[in-house]
């Protein structure tokens, strides 16, 4: 009996251990499956992320060739060839503008920092062995302190903060390493050469293999944000006055505007990157990128008012329908006209044409807001409870403010069109017909669509 009991205990112990191991294996498998699903979703949301990842790998393996080949490349750079790999890792960004900005910052900072470091080392050499480390230390202290203070400057920080940091690093490395190594000039030269090699490889691959332009990203983001506001206003009136059926799709579209509220940081980063980019596509040199920030600012102002307006869709204090009915027509008019104007402005930005049709919608919305103000001066609800009236008046007031915001957005978009020299829709359409394929009749003459005839 004792033997049987011991065997049962051993079997139970082994079974418990096996269950524990099996549970760990299942957890590991589930974690791997979950990570794979997340990676798949990340790639499906933006396939450019996958392309960017391979571009970074290609750039790294390209500059690594300087380290792999012994003669004559490795003999010329030695272990310092790894600086080219490090440069690619730290400067290769998602967009061309971000990459180019970092490369320029790193290259100029390395050149200036190396020159200053070599100069400080040469001057310290004439002071003698005892004074030399003191002078080098004071030089590093003074330069690092001054340049670090410069990094707080609001005009330098957005575009040149990375370059100032690399400048401090280069000066410090040259001064410190030069104390033990007399070939300080060679150190500076090799470091600058490897940085330029890594930077050139990064810019070339980023700009010529499926490039992602920060200016284009900013342009599309600005148009999309304006369109989201228009989509909300398009469905708000029907949702608030209950004249339309509520659908899940409409509820989803009514919440899309919320991403506009937090777009300031993204817009500022894209403007900073876009300023580094050369002329590309439809974007000319010295494109007025700062105007996109003005459009984004007034767009967010409108989004904040829409945020307040959306709170009345599901508010606990619901205004009776008979009260809403008295302002329904004018509020619906303002909402739909502003929606049409914003959608027209968004489409004009996407097509890079002047948004002339939006002015008529804004004019109609302003007329409706004036009529609503006049209506408020009369006694609309003499026998109604004040608590029931306040929400309806607030909604109407917010819509009047949104009309003003829409007008400001239109003015900013018109200014962008003027600065960027956008063409009118009719001119753009007319030019699109020029240069169409010509029809070759059987008599051997080419007849174009603009009725010009050329005899062969």
Protein backbone atom coordinates (compact mmCIF):
# COMPACT_ATOMS: atom_id res chain seq x y z
CA UNK A 1 0.00 0.00 0.00
CA UNK A 2 2.86 2.30 0.79
CA UNK A 3 4.39 1.71 -2.64
CA UNK A 4 1.06 2.46 -4.33
CA UNK A 5 0.68 5.67 -2.36
CA UNK A 6 4.16 6.83 -3.29
CA UNK A 7 3.55 6.06 -6.96
CA UNK A 8 0.31 8.07 -6.87
CA UNK A 9 2.10 10.99 -5.24
CA UNK A 10 4.84 10.87 -7.88
CA UNK A 11 2.26 10.68 -10.67
CA UNK A 12 0.37 13.65 -9.22
CA UNK A 13 3.59 15.64 -8.86
CA UNK A 14 4.59 14.93 -12.47
CA UNK A 15 1.10 15.79 -13.67
CA UNK A 16 1.16 19.11 -11.83
CA UNK A 17 4.55 19.98 -13.28
CA UNK A 18 3.40 19.03 -16.76
CA UNK A 19 0.28 21.18 -16.41
CA UNK A 20 2.49 24.07 -15.27
CA UNK A 21 4.82 23.66 -18.27
CA UNK A 22 1.85 23.26 -20.60
CA UNK A 23 0.29 26.45 -19.23
CA UNK A 24 3.54 28.36 -19.79
CA UNK A 25 3.77 27.05 -23.35
CA UNK A 26 0.18 28.10 -24.04
CA UNK A 27 0.85 31.58 -22.65
CA UNK A 28 3.95 31.88 -24.81
CA UNK A 29 2.07 30.77 -27.92
CA UNK A 30 -0.78 33.17 -27.20
CA UNK A 31 1.70 36.01 -26.67
CA UNK A 32 3.38 35.25 -29.99
CA UNK A 33 0.02 35.09 -31.79
CA UNK A 34 -1.08 38.37 -30.19
CA UNK A 35 2.19 40.08 -31.17
CA UNK A 36 1.82 38.79 -34.74
CA UNK A 37 -1.73 40.14 -34.96
CA UNK A 38 -0.61 43.51 -33.61
CA UNK A 39 2.24 43.63 -36.13
CA UNK A 40 -0.14 42.75 -38.95
CA UNK A 41 -2.58 45.47 -37.87
CA UNK A 42 0.28 47.98 -37.64
CA UNK A 43 1.38 47.14 -41.18
CA UNK A 44 -2.17 47.22 -42.56
CA UNK A 45 -2.87 50.64 -41.01
CA UNK A 46 0.08 52.14 -42.91
CA UNK A 47 1.98 49.84 -45.33
CA UNK A 48 4.66 52.53 -45.67
CA UNK A 49 5.98 51.46 -42.27
CA UNK A 50 7.06 48.14 -43.74
CA UNK A 51 8.78 49.88 -46.66
CA UNK A 52 10.52 52.28 -44.28
CA UNK A 53 11.82 49.40 -42.17
CA UNK A 54 13.41 47.75 -45.20
CA UNK A 55 14.86 51.09 -46.33
CA UNK A 56 16.62 51.50 -42.98
CA UNK A 57 18.00 47.96 -43.22
CA UNK A 58 19.21 48.61 -46.78
CA UNK A 59 20.99 51.80 -45.73
CA UNK A 60 22.71 50.07 -42.81
CA UNK A 61 23.94 47.15 -44.90
CA UNK A 62 25.15 49.58 -47.57
CA UNK A 63 27.37 51.59 -45.22
CA UNK A 64 28.46 48.39 -43.46
CA UNK A 65 30.40 47.49 -46.59
CA UNK A 66 33.02 50.01 -45.48
CA UNK A 67 33.61 47.81 -42.45
CA UNK A 68 33.49 44.43 -44.19
CA UNK A 69 36.05 45.06 -46.95
CA UNK A 70 39.61 44.95 -45.65
CA UNK A 71 41.41 46.66 -48.46
CA UNK A 72 41.48 49.54 -49.16
CA UNK A 73 38.33 50.85 -47.43
CA UNK A 74 38.74 49.42 -43.96
CA UNK A 75 42.45 50.27 -43.90
CA UNK A 76 41.53 53.90 -44.52
CA UNK A 77 38.84 54.21 -41.84
CA UNK A 78 39.53 51.37 -39.43
CA UNK A 79 37.11 50.87 -36.56
CA UNK A 80 35.85 54.43 -37.15
CA UNK A 81 33.86 53.06 -40.10
CA UNK A 82 31.23 52.13 -37.51
CA UNK A 83 30.42 55.85 -37.23
CA UNK A 84 28.76 55.58 -40.64
CA UNK A 85 26.46 52.84 -39.33
CA UNK A 86 25.70 54.84 -36.20
CA UNK A 87 24.89 57.88 -38.35
CA UNK A 88 22.35 55.92 -40.40
CA UNK A 89 20.67 54.60 -37.26
CA UNK A 90 20.23 58.05 -35.68
CA UNK A 91 19.40 60.18 -38.76
CA UNK A 92 17.18 57.91 -40.88
CA UNK A 93 13.64 59.10 -40.22
CA UNK A 94 10.21 58.33 -41.69
CA UNK A 95 10.02 61.35 -43.99
CA UNK A 96 12.55 62.91 -46.34
CA UNK A 97 12.42 66.26 -44.56
CA UNK A 98 13.11 64.76 -41.14
CA UNK A 99 16.04 62.73 -42.52
CA UNK A 100 17.50 65.63 -44.49
CA UNK A 101 17.19 67.96 -41.50
CA UNK A 102 19.06 65.57 -39.24
CA UNK A 103 21.75 64.91 -41.84
CA UNK A 104 22.39 68.62 -42.41
CA UNK A 105 22.42 69.27 -38.67
CA UNK A 106 24.81 66.39 -38.00
CA UNK A 107 27.13 67.22 -40.92
CA UNK A 108 27.48 70.94 -40.15
CA UNK A 109 27.74 70.31 -36.41
CA UNK A 110 30.46 67.70 -36.95
CA UNK A 111 32.39 70.03 -39.25
CA UNK A 112 32.19 73.05 -36.95
CA UNK A 113 32.65 71.00 -33.78
CA UNK A 114 35.63 69.16 -35.23
CA UNK A 115 37.24 72.41 -36.38
CA UNK A 116 36.73 74.05 -33.01
CA UNK A 117 37.97 70.96 -31.18
CA UNK A 118 41.13 70.80 -33.28
CA UNK A 119 41.72 74.51 -32.77
CA UNK A 120 41.30 74.24 -29.01
CA UNK A 121 43.66 71.25 -28.93
CA UNK A 122 46.33 73.10 -30.95
CA UNK A 123 46.19 76.14 -28.69
CA UNK A 124 46.39 73.99 -25.57
CA UNK A 125 49.48 72.21 -26.91
CA UNK A 126 51.52 75.44 -26.76
CA UNK A 127 50.86 75.88 -23.04
CA UNK A 128 52.85 72.90 -21.81
CA UNK A 129 52.00 69.48 -20.47
CA UNK A 130 50.77 70.70 -17.08
CA UNK A 131 48.54 73.49 -18.32
CA UNK A 132 47.22 71.63 -21.39
CA UNK A 133 44.57 69.47 -19.61
CA UNK A 134 43.37 72.51 -17.66
CA UNK A 135 42.89 74.56 -20.83
CA UNK A 136 41.17 71.65 -22.59
CA UNK A 137 38.84 71.16 -19.64
CA UNK A 138 37.98 74.86 -19.49
CA UNK A 139 37.38 74.89 -23.25
CA UNK A 140 34.97 71.98 -23.04
CA UNK A 141 33.23 73.53 -20.03
CA UNK A 142 32.76 76.91 -21.70
CA UNK A 143 31.67 75.56 -25.09
CA UNK A 144 29.28 72.97 -23.64
CA UNK A 145 27.71 75.53 -21.30
CA UNK A 146 27.18 78.17 -24.00
CA UNK A 147 25.83 75.79 -26.63
CA UNK A 148 23.57 74.03 -24.12
CA UNK A 149 22.11 77.42 -23.17
CA UNK A 150 21.55 78.10 -26.88
CA UNK A 151 19.43 74.96 -27.10
CA UNK A 152 16.76 76.69 -25.00
CA UNK A 153 16.33 79.46 -27.58
CA UNK A 154 12.81 79.15 -29.05
CA UNK A 155 13.97 79.91 -32.59
CA UNK A 156 16.88 77.44 -32.52
CA UNK A 157 15.29 74.52 -30.68
CA UNK A 158 12.73 73.37 -33.28
CA UNK A 159 15.15 73.06 -36.21
CA UNK A 160 18.69 73.02 -34.81
CA UNK A 161 18.47 71.33 -31.42
CA UNK A 162 19.89 68.06 -32.76
CA UNK A 163 22.77 69.88 -34.46
CA UNK A 164 23.68 71.77 -31.28
CA UNK A 165 23.74 68.52 -29.33
CA UNK A 166 26.03 66.87 -31.91
CA UNK A 167 28.24 69.97 -31.84
CA UNK A 168 28.77 69.53 -28.08
CA UNK A 169 29.45 65.83 -28.53
CA UNK A 170 32.00 66.36 -31.33
CA UNK A 171 33.92 69.10 -29.51
CA UNK A 172 34.06 67.01 -26.36
CA UNK A 173 35.24 63.88 -28.17
CA UNK A 174 37.94 65.71 -30.11
CA UNK A 175 39.25 67.59 -27.08
CA UNK A 176 39.20 64.61 -24.72
CA UNK A 177 40.56 61.98 -27.14
CA UNK A 178 43.12 64.41 -28.56
CA UNK A 179 44.85 64.67 -25.18
CA UNK A 180 46.04 61.05 -25.43
CA UNK A 181 46.33 60.93 -29.23
CA UNK A 182 48.46 63.39 -31.19
CA UNK A 183 46.70 62.56 -34.47
CA UNK A 184 43.73 64.71 -33.55
CA UNK A 185 43.37 66.10 -37.07
CA UNK A 186 43.05 62.58 -38.49
CA UNK A 187 40.40 61.77 -35.88
CA UNK A 188 38.33 64.79 -36.89
CA UNK A 189 38.74 64.03 -40.60
CA UNK A 190 37.73 60.38 -40.28
CA UNK A 191 34.75 61.22 -38.10
CA UNK A 192 33.53 63.86 -40.55
CA UNK A 193 34.03 61.52 -43.52
CA UNK A 194 32.12 58.63 -41.98
CA UNK A 195 29.28 60.96 -40.89
CA UNK A 196 28.99 62.33 -44.43
CA UNK A 197 29.01 58.81 -45.90
CA UNK A 198 26.25 57.62 -43.56
CA UNK A 199 24.23 60.80 -44.09
CA UNK A 200 24.55 60.65 -47.89
CA UNK A 201 23.40 57.02 -47.94
CA UNK A 202 20.42 57.84 -45.73
CA UNK A 203 19.31 60.80 -47.84
CA UNK A 204 19.75 58.93 -51.13
CA UNK A 205 17.73 55.88 -50.06
CA UNK A 206 15.07 57.94 -48.24
CA UNK A 207 14.55 60.36 -51.15
CA UNK A 208 14.72 58.01 -54.13
CA UNK A 209 13.14 54.76 -52.89
CA UNK A 210 9.41 55.23 -52.22
CA UNK A 211 9.93 58.68 -50.64
CA UNK A 212 7.59 59.99 -47.96
CA UNK A 213 7.41 63.79 -48.07
CA UNK A 214 6.56 65.67 -44.89
CA UNK A 215 5.09 68.52 -46.95
CA UNK A 216 2.65 66.20 -48.64
CA UNK A 217 1.75 64.63 -45.28
CA UNK A 218 1.04 68.09 -43.85
CA UNK A 219 -1.01 69.06 -46.89
CA UNK A 220 -3.18 65.94 -46.68
CA UNK A 221 -3.54 66.23 -42.90
CA UNK A 222 -4.79 69.82 -43.17
CA UNK A 223 -7.37 68.86 -45.80
CA UNK A 224 -8.49 65.79 -43.82
CA UNK A 225 -8.97 67.79 -40.60
CA UNK A 226 -11.19 70.34 -42.33
CA UNK A 227 -13.17 67.55 -43.96
CA UNK A 228 -13.77 65.86 -40.59
CA UNK A 229 -15.36 69.04 -39.26
CA UNK A 230 -17.59 69.21 -42.33
CA UNK A 231 -18.67 65.59 -41.87
CA UNK A 232 -19.71 66.27 -38.28
CA UNK A 233 -21.75 69.35 -39.18
CA UNK A 234 -23.34 67.44 -42.04
CA UNK A 235 -24.91 64.97 -39.66
CA UNK A 236 -25.34 67.12 -36.56
CA UNK A 237 -28.61 68.83 -37.46
CA UNK A 238 -30.38 65.59 -38.28
CA UNK A 239 -28.99 63.96 -35.14
CA UNK A 240 -29.94 66.82 -32.84
CA UNK A 241 -33.40 67.50 -34.23
CA UNK A 242 -34.13 63.77 -34.64
CA UNK A 243 -35.13 64.17 -38.27
CA UNK A 244 -32.70 61.45 -39.37
CA UNK A 245 -32.42 57.88 -38.19
CA UNK A 246 -29.41 57.25 -35.99
CA UNK A 247 -27.01 54.77 -37.47
CA UNK A 248 -23.79 53.35 -36.15
CA UNK A 249 -21.97 54.60 -39.22
CA UNK A 250 -23.21 58.14 -38.56
CA UNK A 251 -22.19 57.94 -34.91
CA UNK A 252 -18.70 56.90 -35.95
CA UNK A 253 -18.36 59.73 -38.46
CA UNK A 254 -19.60 62.24 -35.88
CA UNK A 255 -16.69 61.32 -33.60
CA UNK A 256 -13.93 61.65 -36.20
CA UNK A 257 -13.45 65.35 -35.46
CA UNK A 258 -11.81 64.51 -32.10
CA UNK A 259 -8.49 63.72 -33.78
CA UNK A 260 -8.35 67.38 -34.89
CA UNK A 261 -8.17 68.54 -31.27
CA UNK A 262 -4.73 66.94 -30.75
CA UNK A 263 -3.18 67.68 -34.14
CA UNK A 264 -1.10 70.73 -33.14
CA UNK A 265 2.07 68.80 -32.27
CA UNK A 266 1.92 66.75 -35.45
CA UNK A 267 1.39 69.84 -37.61
CA UNK A 268 4.31 71.70 -36.04
CA UNK A 269 6.63 68.72 -36.53
CA UNK A 270 5.58 68.29 -40.17
CA UNK A 271 6.09 72.02 -40.87
CA UNK A 272 9.57 71.82 -39.38
CA UNK A 273 10.42 68.79 -41.53
CA UNK A 274 8.81 70.23 -44.67
CA UNK A 275 11.04 73.32 -44.52
CA UNK A 276 14.07 71.09 -45.07
CA UNK A 277 12.66 69.44 -48.19
CA UNK A 278 13.51 70.51 -51.75
CA UNK A 279 10.90 71.15 -54.40
CA UNK A 280 8.88 68.01 -55.09
CA UNK A 281 5.66 67.14 -56.87
CA UNK A 282 3.26 70.07 -56.90
CA UNK A 283 5.02 71.78 -54.02
CA UNK A 284 7.33 74.54 -55.16
CA UNK A 285 10.46 75.90 -53.53
CA UNK A 286 9.76 78.07 -50.45
CA UNK A 287 6.21 76.79 -50.12
CA UNK A 288 4.35 78.84 -47.47
CA UNK A 289 4.38 76.07 -44.88
CA UNK A 290 3.73 78.53 -42.06
CA UNK A 291 0.28 79.20 -43.52
CA UNK A 292 -0.67 75.59 -42.79
CA UNK A 293 -0.13 76.33 -39.09
CA UNK A 294 -2.57 79.24 -39.32
CA UNK A 295 -5.14 77.01 -40.99
CA UNK A 296 -4.58 74.36 -38.34
CA UNK A 297 -5.05 76.89 -35.53
CA UNK A 298 -8.43 78.15 -36.78
CA UNK A 299 -9.46 74.58 -37.59
CA UNK A 300 -8.83 73.56 -33.98
CA UNK A 301 -10.79 76.58 -32.74
CA UNK A 302 -13.73 75.34 -34.77
CA UNK A 303 -13.16 71.80 -33.46
CA UNK A 304 -13.32 73.01 -29.84
CA UNK A 305 -16.71 74.58 -30.51
CA UNK A 306 -17.84 71.39 -32.21
CA UNK A 307 -16.65 69.49 -29.13
CA UNK A 308 -18.95 71.66 -27.00
CA UNK A 309 -21.73 71.23 -29.54
CA UNK A 310 -21.45 67.44 -29.54
CA UNK A 311 -22.07 67.39 -25.80
CA UNK A 312 -25.70 68.34 -26.44
CA UNK A 313 -26.36 65.28 -28.59
CA UNK A 314 -26.47 62.93 -25.60
CA UNK A 315 -27.05 65.49 -22.84
CA UNK A 316 -29.27 64.55 -19.90
CA UNK A 317 -31.00 67.94 -20.19
CA UNK A 318 -32.86 67.40 -23.44
CA UNK A 319 -34.77 70.37 -24.84
CA UNK A 320 -38.40 69.58 -25.72
CA UNK A 321 -38.99 69.12 -29.43
CA UNK A 322 -41.52 71.96 -29.62
CA UNK A 323 -38.78 74.35 -28.48
CA UNK A 324 -36.23 72.92 -30.87
CA UNK A 325 -38.69 73.19 -33.75
CA UNK A 326 -38.66 76.99 -33.55
CA UNK A 327 -34.93 77.16 -34.36
CA UNK A 328 -34.65 73.96 -36.39
CA UNK A 329 -34.80 75.49 -39.86
CA UNK A 330 -32.16 78.17 -39.30
CA UNK A 331 -29.85 75.90 -37.27
CA UNK A 332 -30.10 73.22 -39.93
CA UNK A 333 -29.32 75.83 -42.57
CA UNK A 334 -26.21 77.00 -40.73
CA UNK A 335 -25.01 73.47 -40.07
CA UNK A 336 -25.47 72.20 -43.64
CA UNK A 337 -24.05 75.34 -45.27
CA UNK A 338 -20.97 75.30 -43.05
CA UNK A 339 -20.57 71.61 -43.76
CA UNK A 340 -20.72 72.19 -47.51
CA UNK A 341 -18.24 75.07 -47.23
CA UNK A 342 -15.75 73.02 -45.20
CA UNK A 343 -15.98 70.06 -47.56
CA UNK A 344 -15.43 72.40 -50.53
CA UNK A 345 -12.39 73.93 -48.79
CA UNK A 346 -10.98 70.47 -48.08
CA UNK A 347 -11.46 69.39 -51.69
CA UNK A 348 -9.84 72.61 -52.94
CA UNK A 349 -6.76 71.98 -50.77
CA UNK A 350 -6.48 68.42 -52.05
CA UNK A 351 -6.76 69.55 -55.69
CA UNK A 352 -4.62 72.66 -55.02
CA UNK A 353 -7.20 75.00 -56.59
CA UNK A 354 -8.99 78.09 -55.32
CA UNK A 355 -12.06 77.31 -53.20
CA UNK A 356 -14.42 79.80 -54.83
CA UNK A 357 -17.62 77.67 -54.44
CA UNK A 358 -17.23 77.76 -50.64
CA UNK A 359 -17.89 81.50 -50.48
CA UNK A 360 -21.53 81.08 -51.51
CA UNK A 361 -22.14 78.52 -48.74
CA UNK A 362 -20.50 80.79 -46.15
CA UNK A 363 -22.66 83.69 -47.31
CA UNK A 364 -25.80 81.58 -46.89
CA UNK A 365 -24.68 80.49 -43.42
CA UNK A 366 -24.05 84.11 -42.39
CA UNK A 367 -27.51 85.11 -43.59
CA UNK A 368 -29.04 82.29 -41.57
CA UNK A 369 -27.09 83.35 -38.47
CA UNK A 370 -28.29 86.96 -38.89
CA UNK A 371 -31.89 85.77 -39.16
CA UNK A 372 -31.44 83.64 -36.06
CA UNK A 373 -30.06 86.62 -34.10
CA UNK A 374 -33.06 88.65 -35.20
CA UNK A 375 -35.33 85.83 -34.11
CA UNK A 376 -33.75 85.81 -30.66
CA UNK A 377 -34.73 89.48 -30.18
CA UNK A 378 -38.39 88.50 -30.33
CA UNK A 379 -40.20 86.54 -27.62
CA UNK A 380 -39.81 83.00 -28.93
CA UNK A 381 -40.78 81.09 -25.82
CA UNK A 382 -42.97 83.26 -23.56
CA UNK A 383 -44.55 80.36 -21.65
CA UNK A 384 -41.55 78.00 -21.58
CA UNK A 385 -39.33 77.11 -18.66
CA UNK A 386 -35.95 78.85 -18.72
CA UNK A 387 -34.15 75.59 -17.94
CA UNK A 388 -35.60 74.07 -21.12
CA UNK A 389 -34.66 77.08 -23.23
CA UNK A 390 -31.00 77.44 -22.23
CA UNK A 391 -29.69 74.29 -24.00
CA UNK A 392 -31.38 75.23 -27.28
CA UNK A 393 -30.05 78.79 -27.12
CA UNK A 394 -26.56 77.47 -26.36
CA UNK A 395 -26.65 75.15 -29.37
CA UNK A 396 -27.77 78.01 -31.59
CA UNK A 397 -25.04 80.28 -30.20
CA UNK A 398 -22.38 77.64 -30.81
CA UNK A 399 -23.56 77.25 -34.39
CA UNK A 400 -23.29 81.02 -34.89
CA UNK A 401 -19.70 80.87 -33.59
CA UNK A 402 -18.98 77.94 -35.92
CA UNK A 403 -20.15 80.07 -38.84
CA UNK A 404 -17.55 82.69 -37.86
CA UNK A 405 -14.87 79.98 -37.51
CA UNK A 406 -15.78 78.58 -40.93
CA UNK A 407 -15.35 82.04 -42.41
CA UNK A 408 -11.91 82.32 -40.78
CA UNK A 409 -10.90 78.91 -42.14
CA UNK A 410 -12.00 80.01 -45.61
CA UNK A 411 -9.94 83.21 -45.34
CA UNK A 412 -6.87 81.22 -44.30
CA UNK A 413 -7.34 78.73 -47.14
CA UNK A 414 -7.80 81.59 -49.64
CA UNK A 415 -4.57 83.13 -48.34
CA UNK A 416 -2.79 79.81 -48.83
CA UNK A 417 -4.13 79.63 -52.37
CA UNK A 418 -2.88 83.15 -53.06
CA UNK A 419 0.59 82.52 -51.59
CA UNK A 420 0.90 79.18 -53.37
CA UNK A 421 -0.52 80.62 -56.61
CA UNK A 422 -3.29 78.07 -56.93
CA UNK A 423 -5.39 78.30 -60.06
CA UNK A 424 -9.15 78.63 -60.30
CA UNK A 425 -11.07 75.39 -60.89
CA UNK A 426 -12.06 76.50 -64.39
CA UNK A 427 -8.44 77.20 -65.34
CA UNK A 428 -7.28 73.89 -63.92
CA UNK A 429 -10.02 72.05 -65.81
CA UNK A 430 -9.16 73.90 -69.00
CA UNK A 431 -5.49 72.95 -68.73
CA UNK A 432 -6.39 69.34 -68.06
CA UNK A 433 -7.98 69.16 -71.52
CA UNK A 434 -4.88 70.51 -73.21
CA UNK A 435 -2.47 67.83 -74.26
CA UNK A 436 -5.00 65.00 -74.48
CA UNK A 437 -4.39 62.14 -76.83
CA UNK A 438 -4.83 63.08 -80.44
CA UNK A 439 -7.11 61.21 -82.81
CA UNK A 440 -5.49 59.95 -85.97
CA UNK A 441 -8.05 59.69 -88.79
CA UNK A 442 -7.63 57.50 -91.81
CA UNK A 443 -6.58 60.41 -94.04
CA UNK A 444 -3.26 60.71 -92.17
CA UNK A 445 -3.99 63.93 -90.23
CA UNK A 446 -3.86 64.32 -86.44
CA UNK A 447 -6.87 66.02 -84.89
CA UNK A 448 -6.57 67.07 -81.25
CA UNK A 449 -9.42 67.48 -78.80
CA UNK A 450 -8.94 71.26 -78.78
CA UNK A 451 -9.74 71.28 -82.52
CA UNK A 452 -6.18 72.08 -83.63
CA UNK A 453 -5.18 70.21 -86.79
CA UNK A 454 -1.65 69.25 -87.76
CA UNK A 455 -0.86 67.83 -91.21
CA UNK A 456 1.94 65.27 -91.28
